[in-house]
Structure formats: structure tokens, C-alpha cells
Amino acid sequence: VRLLDNDLSMMDLQLTSLNQQIDLSKSNVDSYESMARSGQDVNRTAYRQALDEHNQLVDRYNAILTSRKSKYASYSAEIAEINEMVQRYNSGNR
């Protein structure tokens, strides 16, 4: 359980960091798109690179989130098992 708890905590840190990076990259992409909408010249290569980087960050975030959900399910199952054992012990069914 402790190992899973540590894994979940590490994943939470990674997700927080990636979320911050995603927010920054989204602002960058939005800036390019705003410039284009206002009729300003936009470096298409730089825009595509910013968009690709943003999408890669989102893909990494989603992969970690999917893994975290799976680990959390295992963690919850182990906690439920431990709680059941404690309940049996406390009720005298040792």
C-alpha cells in the first residue's frame, strides 16, 4: 500500500507539473492564433512547433492520468482488503 501511495503521490506531482506546462503552451498557441485572427503575419513553422509541443504535453498528461487511475484502483482494492481484515479482527473473527 505504501508503495502505491508513493507512486500516486509522484504521479500527482508529475500531473501538476505537466498541467502548468500545458497552460503555458496553450497560452503560446493562443497567442499565435490571436495574431493570425487579427491579420498579423504568423511564423507557421513556429506555430506548428508550439502546437505539436502542446499536443505532446497533453498526450503525456493523459498517459500518466490513465496509469494513475489504474494504480488508484489497485490502491483502493488493497485499502478495502485491509479495512475488511481490521473489521474482522475488531469483531472477534480472528
Protein backbone atom coordinates (compact mmCIF):
# COMPACT_ATOMS: atom_id res chain seq x y z
CA VAL A 1 0.00 0.00 0.00
CA ARG A 2 2.80 2.42 0.84
CA LEU A 3 4.48 1.81 -2.50
CA LEU A 4 1.25 2.51 -4.33
CA ASP A 5 0.70 5.60 -2.18
CA ASN A 6 4.18 6.84 -3.09
CA ASP A 7 3.57 6.09 -6.77
CA LEU A 8 0.30 8.01 -6.67
CA SER A 9 1.99 10.97 -4.99
CA MET A 10 4.73 11.01 -7.62
CA MET A 11 2.17 10.85 -10.39
CA ASP A 12 0.24 13.72 -8.81
CA LEU A 13 3.41 15.82 -8.85
CA GLN A 14 4.03 14.93 -12.49
CA LEU A 15 0.45 15.79 -13.41
CA THR A 16 0.65 19.13 -11.62
CA SER A 17 3.89 19.99 -13.40
CA LEU A 18 2.52 18.91 -16.78
CA ASN A 19 -0.67 20.86 -16.19
CA GLN A 20 1.38 24.01 -15.62
CA GLN A 21 3.39 23.33 -18.78
CA ILE A 22 0.18 22.71 -20.72
CA ASP A 23 -1.24 26.02 -19.52
CA LEU A 24 1.89 27.84 -20.68
CA SER A 25 1.97 26.11 -24.05
CA LYS A 26 -1.75 26.78 -24.52
CA SER A 27 -1.11 30.48 -23.93
CA ASN A 28 1.64 30.36 -26.55
CA VAL A 29 -0.63 28.63 -29.09
CA ASP A 30 -3.47 31.04 -28.28
CA SER A 31 -1.12 33.96 -28.87
CA TYR A 32 -0.25 32.71 -32.36
CA GLU A 33 -3.92 32.13 -33.15
CA SER A 34 -4.89 35.57 -31.88
CA MET A 35 -2.21 37.15 -34.06
CA ALA A 36 -3.49 35.24 -37.09
CA ARG A 37 -7.10 36.26 -36.43
CA SER A 38 -6.08 39.91 -36.17
CA GLY A 39 -4.39 39.70 -39.57
CA GLN A 40 -0.81 39.75 -38.34
CA ASP A 41 1.84 37.60 -40.01
CA VAL A 42 2.48 34.42 -38.07
CA ASN A 43 5.50 32.20 -38.43
CA ARG A 44 3.73 28.99 -39.43
CA THR A 45 6.68 26.79 -38.54
CA ALA A 46 6.86 28.26 -35.04
CA TYR A 47 3.08 27.93 -34.66
CA ARG A 48 3.11 24.28 -35.75
CA GLN A 49 6.01 23.57 -33.41
CA ALA A 50 4.17 25.22 -30.50
CA LEU A 51 1.01 23.27 -31.32
CA ASP A 52 2.94 19.98 -31.61
CA GLU A 53 4.66 20.60 -28.27
CA HIS A 54 1.31 21.38 -26.66
CA ASN A 55 -0.24 18.20 -28.06
CA GLN A 56 2.72 16.11 -26.86
CA LEU A 57 2.32 17.52 -23.35
CA VAL A 58 -1.39 16.71 -23.41
CA ASP A 59 -0.63 13.17 -24.61
CA ARG A 60 1.90 12.68 -21.78
CA TYR A 61 -0.58 14.08 -19.25
CA ASN A 62 -3.31 11.73 -20.46
CA ALA A 63 -1.00 8.70 -20.37
CA ILE A 64 0.05 9.42 -16.79
CA LEU A 65 -3.55 10.09 -15.79
CA THR A 66 -4.66 6.75 -17.25
CA SER A 67 -1.87 4.97 -15.38
CA ARG A 68 -2.75 6.82 -12.19
CA LYS A 69 -6.39 5.75 -12.44
CA SER A 70 -5.29 2.12 -12.75
CA LYS A 71 -2.92 2.38 -9.79
CA TYR A 72 -5.59 4.12 -7.73
CA ALA A 73 -7.99 1.24 -8.42
CA SER A 74 -5.33 -1.19 -7.11
CA TYR A 75 -4.68 1.07 -4.12
CA SER A 76 -8.40 1.26 -3.29
CA ALA A 77 -8.73 -2.52 -3.53
CA GLU A 78 -5.81 -3.02 -1.15
CA ILE A 79 -7.22 -0.47 1.31
CA ALA A 80 -10.61 -2.20 1.19
CA GLU A 81 -8.94 -5.54 1.89
CA ILE A 82 -7.02 -4.12 4.85
CA ASN A 83 -10.16 -2.46 6.22
CA GLU A 84 -12.02 -5.74 5.96
CA MET A 85 -9.25 -7.54 7.87
CA VAL A 86 -9.31 -4.89 10.60
CA GLN A 87 -13.09 -5.10 10.81
CA ARG A 88 -12.94 -8.90 11.16
CA TYR A 89 -10.26 -8.57 13.82
CA ASN A 90 -12.23 -5.96 15.76
CA SER A 91 -15.40 -8.06 15.64
CA GLY A 92 -13.55 -11.03 17.18
CA ASN A 93 -13.27 -13.09 13.99
CA ARG A 94 -9.55 -13.57 14.26
